[in-house]
Amino acid sequence: MNIELGVLHDGVVMLACDEPLPNIVKRVEFYRDQRLFMLVYHGDEDKNELMHYEVPENLTYPVEKSPNIIIYSLFPNDEPVGYRVPLIKVGELF
């Protein structure tokens, strides 16, 4: 599965996945010290996923500024699904 981080023209932060995620994302946590995201799923707290993708420095400011994030998933032979979830910042602001 490939996941890409982007910022839309209006400043909204988006995570786009080329495959369906294991479940619906309840929130995304951003760990400031490591610049990593954790996807927190509905009902599957034991399957939460720390993404081993460090947010580039040039995208740190838009992530810090955004109160939420759009999750956009592609499904084979079906329509993509997009929804907005809270973006929680964890740790000290540098």
Protein backbone atom coordinates (compact mmCIF):
# COMPACT_ATOMS: atom_id res chain seq x y z
CA MET A 1 0.00 0.00 0.00
CA ASN A 2 1.26 3.46 -0.90
CA ILE A 3 0.17 6.50 1.10
CA GLU A 4 0.95 10.04 -0.03
CA LEU A 5 0.65 13.26 1.94
CA GLY A 6 -0.43 16.42 0.19
CA VAL A 7 -1.77 19.91 0.77
CA LEU A 8 -4.68 21.13 -1.34
CA HIS A 9 -4.91 24.68 -2.72
CA ASP A 10 -7.11 25.77 0.20
CA GLY A 11 -4.55 24.51 2.75
CA VAL A 12 -6.39 21.31 3.65
CA VAL A 13 -4.05 18.40 4.39
CA MET A 14 -4.84 15.07 2.71
CA LEU A 15 -3.59 11.48 2.95
CA ALA A 16 -4.26 9.51 -0.24
CA CYS A 17 -4.05 5.70 -0.23
CA ASP A 18 -3.89 3.53 -3.35
CA GLU A 19 -5.67 0.64 -1.56
CA PRO A 20 -8.48 0.40 1.00
CA LEU A 21 -7.39 0.88 4.62
CA PRO A 22 -8.11 -1.92 7.15
CA ASN A 23 -11.00 0.05 8.68
CA ILE A 24 -12.47 3.55 8.85
CA VAL A 25 -10.02 6.01 10.37
CA LYS A 26 -11.33 7.68 13.55
CA ARG A 27 -8.50 10.21 13.87
CA VAL A 28 -4.91 10.83 12.81
CA GLU A 29 -2.26 11.61 15.42
CA PHE A 30 0.80 13.63 14.45
CA TYR A 31 3.84 12.98 16.68
CA ARG A 32 5.75 16.24 16.54
CA ASP A 33 9.08 14.96 17.87
CA GLN A 34 9.37 12.29 15.17
CA ARG A 35 7.18 14.00 12.52
CA LEU A 36 5.20 10.75 12.11
CA PHE A 37 1.48 10.01 11.72
CA MET A 38 -0.50 7.31 13.49
CA LEU A 39 -3.79 6.19 11.96
CA VAL A 40 -6.33 5.36 14.68
CA TYR A 41 -9.14 3.11 13.42
CA HIS A 42 -12.75 2.77 14.62
CA GLY A 43 -13.15 -0.29 16.83
CA ASP A 44 -9.69 -1.68 16.06
CA GLU A 45 -7.51 0.12 18.61
CA ASP A 46 -5.12 -2.84 18.62
CA LYS A 47 -4.60 -2.38 14.86
CA ASN A 48 -3.64 1.29 14.94
CA GLU A 49 -0.87 1.99 12.48
CA LEU A 50 2.22 4.16 12.98
CA MET A 51 3.26 5.25 9.51
CA HIS A 52 7.00 5.01 8.98
CA TYR A 53 6.99 8.04 6.73
CA GLU A 54 8.55 11.16 8.18
CA VAL A 55 6.62 14.29 7.24
CA PRO A 56 8.94 16.52 5.18
CA GLU A 57 9.90 19.80 6.85
CA ASN A 58 8.17 21.84 4.15
CA LEU A 59 4.84 20.14 5.02
CA THR A 60 5.20 20.47 8.81
CA TYR A 61 3.68 23.97 8.94
CA PRO A 62 0.48 23.04 7.01
CA VAL A 63 0.10 19.94 9.22
CA GLU A 64 0.52 22.02 12.39
CA LYS A 65 -1.99 24.58 11.14
CA SER A 66 -4.70 22.10 10.11
CA PRO A 67 -7.35 20.96 12.64
CA ASN A 68 -8.30 17.98 10.47
CA ILE A 69 -7.15 15.84 7.58
CA ILE A 70 -8.87 14.25 4.60
CA ILE A 71 -8.45 10.49 4.16
CA TYR A 72 -8.84 9.47 0.52
CA SER A 73 -8.82 5.76 -0.36
CA LEU A 74 -8.98 4.10 -3.76
CA PHE A 75 -10.89 0.84 -4.22
CA PRO A 76 -10.34 -1.55 -7.12
CA ASN A 77 -13.30 -1.46 -9.54
CA ASP A 78 -15.23 0.97 -7.32
CA GLU A 79 -15.53 4.65 -6.49
CA PRO A 80 -12.90 6.23 -4.21
CA VAL A 81 -13.91 7.22 -0.68
CA GLY A 82 -12.89 10.45 1.00
CA TYR A 83 -13.72 11.74 4.47
CA ARG A 84 -12.43 14.27 7.00
CA VAL A 85 -11.13 13.26 10.46
CA PRO A 86 -9.52 15.17 13.35
CA LEU A 87 -5.77 15.72 13.19
CA ILE A 88 -4.40 15.54 16.75
CA LYS A 89 -0.95 16.95 17.49
CA VAL A 90 1.02 15.06 20.15
CA GLY A 91 4.10 16.46 21.90
CA GLU A 92 5.82 19.80 22.32
CA LEU A 93 5.64 22.39 19.57
CA PHE A 94 9.17 23.19 18.39
